Structure formats: C-alpha cells, structure tokens
Amino acid sequence: MELFNFKPQYQPVASNNSARPGVLSSLRQYPLGNYIVLLAIAAVSAGIGALIGRSSLGCGSCVQYSNRKYTSSDPTLHLLRLAHVAKAHPSLVAEIPLGTTKEIFTYNRTFGEDPRLDNGTLAAWDSLVPIGQGTVRFPAGSKKIYTLSAVHQLHCLWSIHQSYYGALQSHRRGNEQQHNHIGPHMRHCFDYLRQGLMCAADSTLEPVDTRLGGVTGWGNERVCRDYTALKDWAEQRRASNSKGFSD
C-alpha cells in the first residue's frame, strides 16, 4: 500500500469554482501520524519554493509562463500556473494610454500549423510576446506586479494550440493517455477567452459570402487597439527578461 498518493484526481464541481486535485481526499484512510509527516513536508516545500521564486526574478510573486523547453511528448510543460482569486481588483485600463489602428484581417496559416511540421510556428507565436511575457511592474519601478490580459489571453490560445496538436499526435500513435492536469487549465482558458471576447465585443460587420453560406472574417477593415504600442509599454516596465512562450 502506498503511503502517499499524490496523483491528482480532479473532481466535478457544482459551482463555478475551478476543479483542484483531490489529494486530501486520498489521504483520509491513513493514520494521524502520516498527516503530521505530510504537514512537515509541506512546510519545508513551501520554504524551498519561496526561496527559489525569489531567486529567479528577485520577486517571489512574479508570473512566469515557462522556463522549460517545449517537447512533442509533453505539450503541457508551459501550462500557466494560475491562482484563482475571487477578490475584485480596481481596473487600471485607463492608466495605459493606447491608440487605435485600422487593420484588415488576412489568413496567416503559420499560426495554426502543427509546430512539428512547420518550424516557423513556434517562432511566430513567440514574436507576439513582449519581452517579460507581459508581466510588468506598475507604476514603473514599483514592487507591484501585474500581467497584461491581452498576453494572458494569447497564452491561453497558444496552450490550446499546443494541446490540440499534442493530442492529435498521441491519437495517431495509439497512445491514448489520460492527462488529468490538462483539463482544469483548458476549462479556465475556454471561459477566460469567452469573457475576453465578450468584453472586447468587436462590432465589425463582416459580409456574408453567399457561396460559402457563412463568413471567413478576412478582407474587411476594422479598428483595433494598437498592440505594438502595448508591447512597447509592457517591455519598458517588464519584471523579467523572459521571452516568448516556448523558451
């Protein structure tokens, strides 16, 4: 019999709370002495984790998307470790001066390709990420750390892209492994992106192509926030020198 069973067991939740690993539920069968050992291990681990976090950027609260290489066998190495906090925070949108630009959407297949088939796919995604991965000190030089929502949303989309092609590859190989740790992050991303899209509420009218019986979204002009200016703003206030999502 195993003394400790730390394999995450995610359980359905009745509310909108994110599912969390059911480690504690797997320990109920063990005597009190084992709980004391667990608490001691947890305390030591927390101390070590805090020291490592502080040494990485000089800031234990800084968000880092990844510092490990992406591998085709494990597309989840870069999953963002997210802390779900119910407390509302005041908006700082008005503090970031940002203009608008007129853009015409055109299809760029590179972003949607399998990164194992197109060497430029990972580089294309990484080119969107400001140095510092969108994590900034605000006001400039402050100890307060924030992450830009636009970069957070891009990271969610990137993670879905990586997980999708990782799952396809596993299916082709007949390797139908269960990755319970993917589900909670994907559920977070689906709902986070849903709310982000509804918040932006792009009201551009897209012509219907009667031959297709639908719309592609390509070829018509729309007004966009200046993402290049936002990248520059973030890099000037960055909390680290991390680059891209795949580093």
Protein backbone atom coordinates (compact mmCIF):
# COMPACT_ATOMS: atom_id res chain seq x y z
CA MET A 1 0.00 0.00 0.00
CA GLU A 2 1.32 3.45 -0.93
CA LEU A 3 1.85 5.82 1.94
CA PHE A 4 1.24 8.91 -0.15
CA ASN A 5 -0.92 9.10 -3.25
CA PHE A 6 -0.21 12.44 -4.86
CA LYS A 7 -1.63 11.61 -8.30
CA PRO A 8 -4.13 14.42 -8.97
CA GLN A 9 -7.75 13.30 -9.06
CA TYR A 10 -9.89 16.14 -10.37
CA GLN A 11 -13.49 16.00 -9.26
CA PRO A 12 -16.54 17.68 -10.86
CA VAL A 13 -17.61 20.84 -9.07
CA ALA A 14 -21.16 22.07 -8.65
CA SER A 15 -20.29 25.78 -8.80
CA ASN A 16 -18.05 27.93 -11.00
CA ASN A 17 -15.01 27.19 -8.84
CA SER A 18 -12.05 25.64 -10.64
CA ALA A 19 -11.51 21.94 -10.03
CA ARG A 20 -8.49 21.19 -7.89
CA PRO A 21 -6.52 17.99 -7.35
CA GLY A 22 -8.20 15.78 -4.79
CA VAL A 23 -5.01 14.95 -2.87
CA LEU A 24 -6.52 15.32 0.58
CA SER A 25 -9.42 13.00 -0.20
CA SER A 26 -6.94 10.22 -0.96
CA LEU A 27 -5.30 10.59 2.47
CA ARG A 28 -8.33 10.01 4.66
CA GLN A 29 -7.55 6.33 5.01
CA TYR A 30 -4.18 6.96 6.68
CA PRO A 31 -3.49 7.40 10.43
CA LEU A 32 -2.79 10.72 12.16
CA GLY A 33 0.98 10.18 12.19
CA ASN A 34 1.07 10.28 8.40
CA TYR A 35 -0.77 13.61 8.36
CA ILE A 36 1.90 15.08 10.63
CA VAL A 37 4.60 13.87 8.21
CA LEU A 38 2.68 15.43 5.32
CA LEU A 39 2.39 18.76 7.10
CA ALA A 40 6.13 18.78 7.79
CA ILE A 41 6.91 18.02 4.13
CA ALA A 42 4.50 20.74 3.00
CA ALA A 43 6.12 23.32 5.29
CA VAL A 44 9.63 22.51 4.06
CA SER A 45 8.48 22.51 0.41
CA ALA A 46 6.80 25.89 0.82
CA GLY A 47 10.00 27.37 2.26
CA ILE A 48 12.15 25.99 -0.54
CA GLY A 49 9.63 27.16 -3.14
CA ALA A 50 9.65 30.68 -1.75
CA LEU A 51 13.45 30.85 -1.88
CA ILE A 52 13.52 29.56 -5.45
CA GLY A 53 10.83 32.03 -6.50
CA ARG A 54 12.68 34.97 -5.03
CA SER A 55 15.98 34.00 -6.63
CA SER A 56 14.51 33.64 -10.13
CA LEU A 57 13.49 37.27 -10.62
CA GLY A 58 14.14 38.90 -7.32
CA CYS A 59 10.37 38.76 -6.84
CA GLY A 60 8.53 35.80 -5.41
CA SER A 61 5.16 36.94 -6.79
CA CYS A 62 6.19 37.40 -10.42
CA VAL A 63 4.31 35.37 -13.01
CA GLN A 64 6.41 33.24 -15.32
CA TYR A 65 4.78 31.30 -18.13
CA SER A 66 7.65 28.88 -18.63
CA ASN A 67 11.36 28.36 -18.34
CA ARG A 68 11.41 24.90 -19.91
CA LYS A 69 11.68 23.75 -23.49
CA TYR A 70 8.58 22.55 -25.32
CA THR A 71 8.77 18.87 -26.27
CA SER A 72 6.44 16.99 -28.59
CA SER A 73 5.93 14.28 -25.99
CA ASP A 74 4.61 16.68 -23.35
CA PRO A 75 2.76 19.72 -24.70
CA THR A 76 1.76 20.79 -21.21
CA LEU A 77 5.15 21.92 -19.89
CA HIS A 78 4.17 25.52 -20.45
CA LEU A 79 0.74 25.46 -18.84
CA LEU A 80 0.41 28.60 -16.80
CA ARG A 81 0.18 28.06 -13.06
CA LEU A 82 -2.82 30.20 -12.26
CA ALA A 83 -4.05 31.40 -8.89
CA HIS A 84 -7.82 31.83 -8.98
CA VAL A 85 -8.70 34.77 -6.75
CA ALA A 86 -12.31 35.76 -6.10
CA LYS A 87 -11.42 39.22 -4.78
CA ALA A 88 -12.14 42.01 -7.27
CA HIS A 89 -9.39 44.48 -8.11
CA PRO A 90 -9.86 48.03 -9.42
CA SER A 91 -9.37 48.47 -13.16
CA LEU A 92 -6.13 50.03 -14.35
CA VAL A 93 -7.09 50.19 -18.04
CA ALA A 94 -7.29 53.97 -18.04
CA GLU A 95 -3.69 54.17 -16.82
CA ILE A 96 -2.34 52.75 -20.10
CA PRO A 97 -2.53 55.29 -22.95
CA LEU A 98 -3.21 53.28 -26.09
CA GLY A 99 -4.22 54.43 -29.55
CA THR A 100 -6.08 52.58 -32.29
CA THR A 101 -5.11 51.37 -35.75
CA LYS A 102 -7.07 50.27 -38.80
CA GLU A 103 -6.34 46.68 -39.76
CA ILE A 104 -7.52 44.21 -42.39
CA PHE A 105 -7.60 40.61 -41.21
CA THR A 106 -5.89 38.16 -43.57
CA TYR A 107 -5.32 34.45 -43.14
CA ASN A 108 -1.87 33.53 -41.77
CA ARG A 109 -1.64 29.75 -41.80
CA THR A 110 1.64 29.69 -39.85
CA PHE A 111 -0.09 30.36 -36.53
CA GLY A 112 -2.46 27.43 -37.00
CA GLU A 113 0.04 24.85 -38.25
CA ASP A 114 1.31 21.84 -36.33
CA PRO A 115 4.57 23.07 -34.73
CA ARG A 116 6.16 19.71 -35.56
CA LEU A 117 5.52 20.26 -39.28
CA ASP A 118 6.25 23.98 -39.57
CA ASN A 119 9.44 25.23 -37.93
CA GLY A 120 8.14 28.78 -38.08
CA THR A 121 5.03 28.21 -35.98
CA LEU A 122 6.60 28.47 -32.53
CA ALA A 123 8.68 31.46 -33.65
CA ALA A 124 5.55 33.16 -34.99
CA TRP A 125 3.73 32.77 -31.67
CA ASP A 126 6.78 33.88 -29.70
CA SER A 127 7.04 37.02 -31.83
CA LEU A 128 3.72 38.19 -30.37
CA VAL A 129 5.00 38.09 -26.80
CA PRO A 130 6.66 41.18 -25.32
CA ILE A 131 9.98 40.69 -23.53
CA GLY A 132 8.98 39.91 -19.97
CA GLN A 133 5.98 37.88 -21.17
CA GLY A 134 3.59 40.73 -20.39
CA THR A 135 4.40 40.75 -16.67
CA VAL A 136 5.03 44.33 -15.60
CA ARG A 137 5.84 46.47 -12.60
CA PHE A 138 3.21 49.17 -12.30
CA PRO A 139 3.70 52.01 -11.71
CA ALA A 140 7.15 51.75 -13.29
CA GLY A 141 9.72 50.69 -10.71
CA SER A 142 7.01 49.61 -8.28
CA LYS A 143 7.05 46.32 -6.38
CA LYS A 144 3.51 45.63 -7.57
CA ILE A 145 3.36 43.03 -10.34
CA TYR A 146 0.64 42.66 -12.98
CA THR A 147 0.17 40.63 -16.16
CA LEU A 148 -1.44 42.17 -19.24
CA SER A 149 -4.75 40.49 -20.04
CA ALA A 150 -4.02 40.51 -23.78
CA VAL A 151 -0.88 38.41 -23.23
CA HIS A 152 -2.73 36.13 -20.80
CA GLN A 153 -5.38 35.55 -23.47
CA LEU A 154 -2.74 34.85 -26.11
CA HIS A 155 -1.09 32.36 -23.75
CA CYS A 156 -4.42 30.57 -23.32
CA LEU A 157 -4.89 30.35 -27.08
CA TRP A 158 -1.29 29.17 -27.51
CA SER A 159 -1.82 26.48 -24.85
CA ILE A 160 -4.94 25.21 -26.62
CA HIS A 161 -2.98 25.13 -29.90
CA GLN A 162 -0.17 23.11 -28.31
CA SER A 163 -2.52 20.72 -26.52
CA TYR A 164 -4.61 20.15 -29.67
CA TYR A 165 -1.67 19.03 -31.78
CA GLY A 166 -0.21 17.08 -28.87
CA ALA A 167 -3.50 15.17 -28.56
CA LEU A 168 -3.57 14.52 -32.33
CA GLN A 169 -0.07 13.09 -32.21
CA SER A 170 -0.95 10.84 -29.27
CA HIS A 171 -4.02 9.60 -31.14
CA ARG A 172 -2.02 8.79 -34.28
CA ARG A 173 0.45 6.81 -32.20
CA GLY A 174 -2.35 4.96 -30.46
CA ASN A 175 -1.19 6.43 -27.18
CA GLU A 176 -4.48 7.40 -25.56
CA GLN A 177 -3.10 8.57 -22.25
CA GLN A 178 -5.22 10.49 -19.81
CA HIS A 179 -3.74 13.85 -18.87
CA ASN A 180 -5.92 14.93 -15.96
CA HIS A 181 -3.76 18.01 -15.39
CA ILE A 182 -4.70 19.46 -18.81
CA GLY A 183 -8.44 19.67 -18.18
CA PRO A 184 -8.53 22.35 -15.47
CA HIS A 185 -6.28 24.70 -17.45
CA MET A 186 -8.27 24.22 -20.66
CA ARG A 187 -11.55 24.86 -18.84
CA HIS A 188 -10.03 28.02 -17.39
CA CYS A 189 -8.93 29.14 -20.87
CA PHE A 190 -12.26 28.41 -22.56
CA ASP A 191 -14.15 30.58 -20.08
CA TYR A 192 -11.44 33.24 -19.82
CA LEU A 193 -11.34 33.66 -23.60
CA ARG A 194 -15.16 33.68 -23.75
CA GLN A 195 -15.29 36.56 -21.30
CA GLY A 196 -12.41 38.36 -23.01
CA LEU A 197 -14.17 38.21 -26.40
CA MET A 198 -17.43 39.43 -24.91
CA CYS A 199 -15.60 42.21 -23.06
CA ALA A 200 -13.98 43.46 -26.28
CA ALA A 201 -17.26 42.88 -28.20
CA ASP A 202 -15.85 43.63 -31.67
CA SER A 203 -18.81 45.14 -33.53
CA THR A 204 -17.25 44.96 -37.02
CA LEU A 205 -19.85 43.93 -39.62
CA GLU A 206 -18.47 41.02 -41.66
CA PRO A 207 -20.01 40.45 -45.11
CA VAL A 208 -21.63 37.07 -45.65
CA ASP A 209 -20.16 35.05 -48.52
CA THR A 210 -23.21 33.52 -50.19
CA ARG A 211 -21.05 30.93 -51.94
CA LEU A 212 -19.79 29.66 -48.61
CA GLY A 213 -23.01 30.24 -46.76
CA GLY A 214 -21.09 31.97 -43.99
CA VAL A 215 -18.23 34.32 -43.17
CA THR A 216 -14.46 33.95 -43.10
CA GLY A 217 -13.68 37.21 -41.32
CA TRP A 218 -10.94 38.01 -43.82
CA GLY A 219 -10.60 41.04 -46.06
CA ASN A 220 -12.62 43.72 -44.30
CA GLU A 221 -11.28 46.66 -42.33
CA ARG A 222 -11.73 47.07 -38.59
CA VAL A 223 -10.49 49.37 -35.84
CA CYS A 224 -8.07 47.69 -33.42
CA ARG A 225 -6.23 48.74 -30.31
CA ASP A 226 -2.55 49.30 -31.05
CA TYR A 227 -0.98 46.02 -29.92
CA THR A 228 2.52 47.09 -30.97
CA ALA A 229 2.26 50.10 -28.67
CA LEU A 230 1.03 47.84 -25.86
CA LYS A 231 4.06 45.55 -26.35
CA ASP A 232 6.39 48.54 -26.14
CA TRP A 233 4.65 49.79 -22.99
CA ALA A 234 4.97 46.36 -21.36
CA GLU A 235 8.64 45.92 -22.26
CA GLN A 236 9.54 49.28 -20.74
CA ARG A 237 8.02 48.13 -17.43
CA ARG A 238 8.85 44.43 -17.59
CA ALA A 239 9.50 42.45 -14.43
CA SER A 240 11.82 39.95 -16.15
CA ASN A 241 13.67 39.33 -19.41
CA SER A 242 11.80 36.13 -20.30
CA LYS A 243 10.96 35.79 -23.99
CA GLY A 244 8.16 34.02 -25.80
CA PHE A 245 6.00 31.16 -24.60
CA SER A 246 8.23 28.33 -25.82
CA ASP A 247 11.54 29.30 -24.16
